[in-house]
């Protein structure tokens, strides 16, 4: 049952990107859905999630939320150094971006 739900969520995210390949929000949403699955333990799709975030970043390079979500994904995959780098990048783009600030504090406290 869970595998069916995972496949369905992934299929819907893929369909959104196929329908609007130049829309950063479609790539961002796909990356977010896949990141949620990574956090739930489906770690083998981490590279697909990061690929979606990179496409979103290329389409909208100044948004801090994309770098923040890359930090969340990196952290979920166990790459603390990479997570710190992405959270720092989000704060470079928007110094008062609270989600990235909170994540960075959490990462640095380890």
N, C-alpha and C. Protein backbone atom coordinates (compact mmCIF):
# COMPACT_ATOMS: atom_id res chain seq x y z
N UNK A 1 0.81 -1.19 0.00
CA UNK A 1 0.00 0.00 0.00
C UNK A 1 0.86 1.26 0.00
N UNK A 2 1.90 1.25 0.84
CA UNK A 2 2.78 2.42 0.91
C UNK A 2 3.52 2.60 -0.41
N UNK A 3 4.00 1.51 -0.98
CA UNK A 3 4.72 1.60 -2.25
C UNK A 3 3.84 2.19 -3.34
N UNK A 4 2.56 1.84 -3.33
CA UNK A 4 1.63 2.38 -4.31
C UNK A 4 1.49 3.90 -4.12
N UNK A 5 1.40 4.34 -2.87
CA UNK A 5 1.30 5.77 -2.57
C UNK A 5 2.55 6.52 -2.98
N UNK A 6 3.71 5.91 -2.75
CA UNK A 6 4.98 6.52 -3.15
C UNK A 6 5.03 6.67 -4.67
N UNK A 7 4.66 5.62 -5.36
CA UNK A 7 4.67 5.66 -6.83
C UNK A 7 3.69 6.70 -7.36
N UNK A 8 2.54 6.79 -6.71
CA UNK A 8 1.54 7.77 -7.15
C UNK A 8 2.02 9.20 -6.92
N UNK A 9 2.59 9.46 -5.76
CA UNK A 9 3.11 10.80 -5.46
C UNK A 9 4.20 11.18 -6.44
N UNK A 10 5.07 10.25 -6.70
CA UNK A 10 6.16 10.51 -7.64
C UNK A 10 5.63 10.73 -9.06
N UNK A 11 4.65 9.95 -9.45
CA UNK A 11 4.06 10.09 -10.78
C UNK A 11 3.38 11.43 -10.96
N UNK A 12 2.67 11.89 -9.94
CA UNK A 12 2.02 13.21 -10.03
C UNK A 12 3.04 14.33 -10.09
N UNK A 13 4.11 14.20 -9.33
CA UNK A 13 5.17 15.22 -9.36
C UNK A 13 5.84 15.25 -10.73
N UNK A 14 6.10 14.08 -11.28
CA UNK A 14 6.70 14.00 -12.62
C UNK A 14 5.78 14.60 -13.67
N UNK A 15 4.48 14.34 -13.56
CA UNK A 15 3.50 14.86 -14.51
C UNK A 15 3.45 16.39 -14.46
N UNK A 16 3.57 16.96 -13.27
CA UNK A 16 3.56 18.42 -13.15
C UNK A 16 4.77 19.03 -13.85
N UNK A 17 5.92 18.40 -13.73
CA UNK A 17 7.13 18.90 -14.41
C UNK A 17 6.99 18.74 -15.92
N UNK A 18 6.45 17.61 -16.35
CA UNK A 18 6.27 17.40 -17.79
C UNK A 18 5.30 18.40 -18.38
N UNK A 19 4.28 18.77 -17.62
CA UNK A 19 3.28 19.73 -18.11
C UNK A 19 3.82 21.15 -18.14
N UNK A 20 4.74 21.47 -17.25
CA UNK A 20 5.27 22.84 -17.14
C UNK A 20 6.77 22.82 -16.90
N UNK A 21 7.55 22.38 -17.88
CA UNK A 21 8.99 22.23 -17.65
C UNK A 21 9.75 23.54 -17.41
N UNK A 22 9.17 24.66 -17.77
CA UNK A 22 9.84 25.96 -17.56
C UNK A 22 9.32 26.67 -16.30
N UNK A 23 8.50 26.00 -15.53
CA UNK A 23 7.93 26.57 -14.32
C UNK A 23 8.75 26.11 -13.12
N UNK A 24 9.46 27.05 -12.50
CA UNK A 24 10.32 26.66 -11.38
C UNK A 24 9.51 25.98 -10.28
N UNK A 25 8.26 26.41 -10.08
CA UNK A 25 7.46 25.86 -8.97
C UNK A 25 7.14 24.38 -9.19
N UNK A 26 7.04 23.94 -10.44
CA UNK A 26 6.80 22.52 -10.70
C UNK A 26 8.02 21.70 -10.25
N UNK A 27 9.21 22.20 -10.57
CA UNK A 27 10.43 21.50 -10.16
C UNK A 27 10.61 21.57 -8.64
N UNK A 28 10.29 22.73 -8.06
CA UNK A 28 10.39 22.89 -6.61
C UNK A 28 9.43 21.94 -5.90
N UNK A 29 8.21 21.84 -6.39
CA UNK A 29 7.23 20.94 -5.79
C UNK A 29 7.67 19.48 -5.91
N UNK A 30 8.18 19.12 -7.07
CA UNK A 30 8.66 17.74 -7.25
C UNK A 30 9.79 17.46 -6.27
N UNK A 31 10.73 18.38 -6.17
CA UNK A 31 11.84 18.19 -5.23
C UNK A 31 11.35 18.08 -3.79
N UNK A 32 10.36 18.89 -3.44
CA UNK A 32 9.81 18.84 -2.08
C UNK A 32 9.13 17.52 -1.79
N UNK A 33 8.36 17.03 -2.74
CA UNK A 33 7.69 15.73 -2.56
C UNK A 33 8.72 14.62 -2.41
N UNK A 34 9.71 14.64 -3.28
CA UNK A 34 10.75 13.60 -3.20
C UNK A 34 11.55 13.71 -1.91
N UNK A 35 11.80 14.94 -1.44
CA UNK A 35 12.51 15.13 -0.18
C UNK A 35 11.72 14.55 0.99
N UNK A 36 10.41 14.75 0.97
CA UNK A 36 9.56 14.16 2.01
C UNK A 36 9.70 12.64 2.01
N UNK A 37 9.76 12.06 0.83
CA UNK A 37 9.93 10.62 0.73
C UNK A 37 11.31 10.19 1.24
N UNK A 38 12.34 11.00 0.95
CA UNK A 38 13.69 10.71 1.46
C UNK A 38 13.67 10.72 2.98
N UNK A 39 13.05 11.74 3.56
CA UNK A 39 12.96 11.83 5.02
C UNK A 39 12.24 10.61 5.60
N UNK A 40 11.28 10.09 4.84
CA UNK A 40 10.53 8.91 5.27
C UNK A 40 11.30 7.60 5.06
N UNK A 41 12.50 7.70 4.47
CA UNK A 41 13.34 6.52 4.33
C UNK A 41 13.61 6.04 2.92
N UNK A 42 13.02 6.69 1.93
CA UNK A 42 13.23 6.28 0.53
C UNK A 42 14.44 7.05 -0.01
N UNK A 43 15.61 6.76 0.55
CA UNK A 43 16.81 7.56 0.29
C UNK A 43 17.34 7.42 -1.14
N UNK A 44 16.96 6.36 -1.82
CA UNK A 44 17.49 6.16 -3.18
C UNK A 44 17.01 7.20 -4.18
N UNK A 45 16.03 8.00 -3.82
CA UNK A 45 15.55 9.05 -4.74
C UNK A 45 16.13 10.42 -4.41
N UNK A 46 17.11 10.44 -3.54
CA UNK A 46 17.73 11.71 -3.16
C UNK A 46 18.32 12.48 -4.33
N UNK A 47 18.98 11.78 -5.24
CA UNK A 47 19.58 12.47 -6.39
C UNK A 47 18.51 13.05 -7.32
N UNK A 48 17.37 12.38 -7.43
CA UNK A 48 16.27 12.93 -8.24
C UNK A 48 15.72 14.20 -7.61
N UNK A 49 15.61 14.20 -6.29
CA UNK A 49 15.13 15.39 -5.59
C UNK A 49 16.09 16.55 -5.80
N UNK A 50 17.39 16.28 -5.65
CA UNK A 50 18.39 17.34 -5.82
C UNK A 50 18.38 17.86 -7.25
N UNK A 51 18.19 16.98 -8.21
CA UNK A 51 18.11 17.39 -9.61
C UNK A 51 16.95 18.35 -9.83
N UNK A 52 15.82 18.06 -9.21
CA UNK A 52 14.66 18.96 -9.33
C UNK A 52 14.96 20.33 -8.73
N UNK A 53 15.62 20.34 -7.57
CA UNK A 53 15.97 21.62 -6.95
C UNK A 53 16.95 22.40 -7.82
N UNK A 54 17.89 21.72 -8.43
CA UNK A 54 18.85 22.41 -9.30
C UNK A 54 18.15 23.01 -10.52
N UNK A 55 17.19 22.30 -11.07
CA UNK A 55 16.42 22.85 -12.20
C UNK A 55 15.61 24.06 -11.75
N UNK A 56 15.00 23.98 -10.58
CA UNK A 56 14.25 25.12 -10.04
C UNK A 56 15.18 26.31 -9.83
N UNK A 57 16.37 26.04 -9.30
CA UNK A 57 17.35 27.11 -9.05
C UNK A 57 17.79 27.77 -10.35
N UNK A 58 17.96 26.98 -11.40
CA UNK A 58 18.33 27.54 -12.70
C UNK A 58 17.24 28.45 -13.26
N UNK A 59 16.00 28.09 -12.99
CA UNK A 59 14.88 28.88 -13.49
C UNK A 59 14.58 30.11 -12.63
N UNK A 60 14.96 30.07 -11.37
CA UNK A 60 14.70 31.17 -10.45
C UNK A 60 15.87 31.27 -9.46
N UNK A 61 17.00 31.82 -9.93
CA UNK A 61 18.25 31.73 -9.18
C UNK A 61 18.36 32.54 -7.89
N UNK A 62 17.44 33.42 -7.62
CA UNK A 62 17.60 34.26 -6.43
C UNK A 62 16.74 33.82 -5.24
N UNK A 63 15.95 32.79 -5.39
CA UNK A 63 15.03 32.38 -4.32
C UNK A 63 15.77 31.62 -3.21
N UNK A 64 15.62 32.07 -1.97
CA UNK A 64 16.30 31.39 -0.86
C UNK A 64 15.66 30.06 -0.49
N UNK A 65 14.38 29.90 -0.77
CA UNK A 65 13.70 28.67 -0.37
C UNK A 65 14.24 27.44 -1.08
N UNK A 66 14.73 27.62 -2.29
CA UNK A 66 15.28 26.48 -3.02
C UNK A 66 16.56 25.99 -2.34
N UNK A 67 17.45 26.91 -2.00
CA UNK A 67 18.68 26.53 -1.30
C UNK A 67 18.36 25.92 0.07
N UNK A 68 17.37 26.47 0.73
CA UNK A 68 16.96 25.92 2.03
C UNK A 68 16.51 24.46 1.87
N UNK A 69 15.69 24.19 0.88
CA UNK A 69 15.21 22.83 0.67
C UNK A 69 16.34 21.89 0.27
N UNK A 70 17.33 22.40 -0.45
CA UNK A 70 18.52 21.60 -0.75
C UNK A 70 19.25 21.26 0.55
N UNK A 71 19.27 22.21 1.48
CA UNK A 71 19.89 21.96 2.79
C UNK A 71 19.13 20.88 3.55
N UNK A 72 17.81 20.96 3.53
CA UNK A 72 16.98 19.95 4.21
C UNK A 72 17.25 18.57 3.62
N UNK A 73 17.27 18.50 2.29
CA UNK A 73 17.53 17.22 1.62
C UNK A 73 18.92 16.70 1.97
N UNK A 74 19.92 17.56 1.89
CA UNK A 74 21.29 17.13 2.20
C UNK A 74 21.39 16.61 3.63
N UNK A 75 20.73 17.30 4.54
CA UNK A 75 20.72 16.86 5.93
C UNK A 75 20.05 15.49 6.06
N UNK A 76 18.94 15.31 5.37
CA UNK A 76 18.23 14.02 5.42
C UNK A 76 19.08 12.88 4.86
N UNK A 77 19.96 13.22 3.93
CA UNK A 77 20.84 12.21 3.34
C UNK A 77 22.13 12.03 4.13
N UNK A 78 22.27 12.79 5.24
CA UNK A 78 23.43 12.62 6.10
C UNK A 78 24.63 13.46 5.74
N UNK A 79 24.47 14.41 4.84
CA UNK A 79 25.59 15.26 4.42
C UNK A 79 25.49 16.62 5.12
N UNK A 80 25.98 16.66 6.35
CA UNK A 80 25.88 17.88 7.15
C UNK A 80 26.67 19.03 6.52
N UNK A 81 27.85 18.76 6.01
CA UNK A 81 28.66 19.82 5.41
C UNK A 81 27.93 20.45 4.23
N UNK A 82 27.35 19.64 3.39
CA UNK A 82 26.59 20.13 2.24
C UNK A 82 25.34 20.89 2.71
N UNK A 83 24.69 20.40 3.74
CA UNK A 83 23.51 21.07 4.29
C UNK A 83 23.86 22.46 4.81
N UNK A 84 24.98 22.57 5.51
CA UNK A 84 25.44 23.88 6.01
C UNK A 84 25.69 24.82 4.84
N UNK A 85 26.31 24.32 3.80
CA UNK A 85 26.61 25.14 2.62
C UNK A 85 25.33 25.67 1.98
N UNK A 86 24.35 24.82 1.79
CA UNK A 86 23.09 25.26 1.18
C UNK A 86 22.32 26.22 2.09
N UNK A 87 22.31 25.97 3.40
CA UNK A 87 21.62 26.88 4.32
C UNK A 87 22.30 28.25 4.32
N UNK A 88 23.62 28.24 4.26
CA UNK A 88 24.37 29.50 4.20
C UNK A 88 24.05 30.24 2.91
N UNK A 89 23.93 29.52 1.82
CA UNK A 89 23.57 30.14 0.54
C UNK A 89 22.18 30.76 0.60
N UNK A 90 21.24 30.08 1.23
CA UNK A 90 19.89 30.64 1.38
C UNK A 90 19.95 31.96 2.16
N UNK A 91 20.76 31.99 3.20
CA UNK A 91 20.89 33.22 3.99
C UNK A 91 21.65 34.32 3.24
N UNK A 92 22.52 33.93 2.35
CA UNK A 92 23.18 34.93 1.51
C UNK A 92 22.15 35.61 0.60
N UNK A 93 21.22 34.82 0.11
CA UNK A 93 20.18 35.36 -0.76
C UNK A 93 19.16 36.20 0.01
N UNK A 94 18.88 35.80 1.24
CA UNK A 94 17.92 36.55 2.07
C UNK A 94 18.37 36.40 3.53
N UNK A 95 19.11 37.37 4.03
CA UNK A 95 19.71 37.25 5.36
C UNK A 95 18.72 37.00 6.50
N UNK A 96 17.48 37.39 6.35
CA UNK A 96 16.50 37.18 7.42
C UNK A 96 15.58 35.98 7.14
N UNK A 97 16.02 35.06 6.32
CA UNK A 97 15.21 33.88 5.99
C UNK A 97 15.24 32.90 7.17
N UNK A 98 14.21 32.96 7.98
CA UNK A 98 14.16 32.24 9.25
C UNK A 98 14.30 30.73 9.12
N UNK A 99 13.64 30.05 8.17
CA UNK A 99 13.82 28.60 8.10
C UNK A 99 15.29 28.19 7.93
N UNK A 100 16.01 28.91 7.07
CA UNK A 100 17.43 28.58 6.86
C UNK A 100 18.25 28.92 8.09
N UNK A 101 17.93 30.01 8.74
CA UNK A 101 18.64 30.40 9.96
C UNK A 101 18.46 29.34 11.05
N UNK A 102 17.24 28.89 11.24
CA UNK A 102 16.96 27.88 12.26
C UNK A 102 17.67 26.56 11.93
N UNK A 103 17.64 26.16 10.67
CA UNK A 103 18.30 24.93 10.28
C UNK A 103 19.81 25.04 10.49
N UNK A 104 20.38 26.16 10.10
CA UNK A 104 21.82 26.34 10.25
C UNK A 104 22.22 26.29 11.73
N UNK A 105 21.46 26.92 12.59
CA UNK A 105 21.74 26.86 14.02
C UNK A 105 21.70 25.42 14.52
N UNK A 106 20.71 24.66 14.07
CA UNK A 106 20.57 23.27 14.44
C UNK A 106 21.77 22.45 13.96
N UNK A 107 22.18 22.68 12.73
CA UNK A 107 23.30 21.94 12.16
C UNK A 107 24.60 22.27 12.87
N UNK A 108 24.79 23.52 13.19
CA UNK A 108 26.03 23.95 13.84
C UNK A 108 26.09 23.50 15.30
N UNK A 109 24.94 23.19 15.90
CA UNK A 109 24.91 22.76 17.29
C UNK A 109 25.31 21.29 17.45
N UNK A 110 25.42 20.59 16.37
CA UNK A 110 25.77 19.15 16.44
C UNK A 110 27.23 18.94 16.77
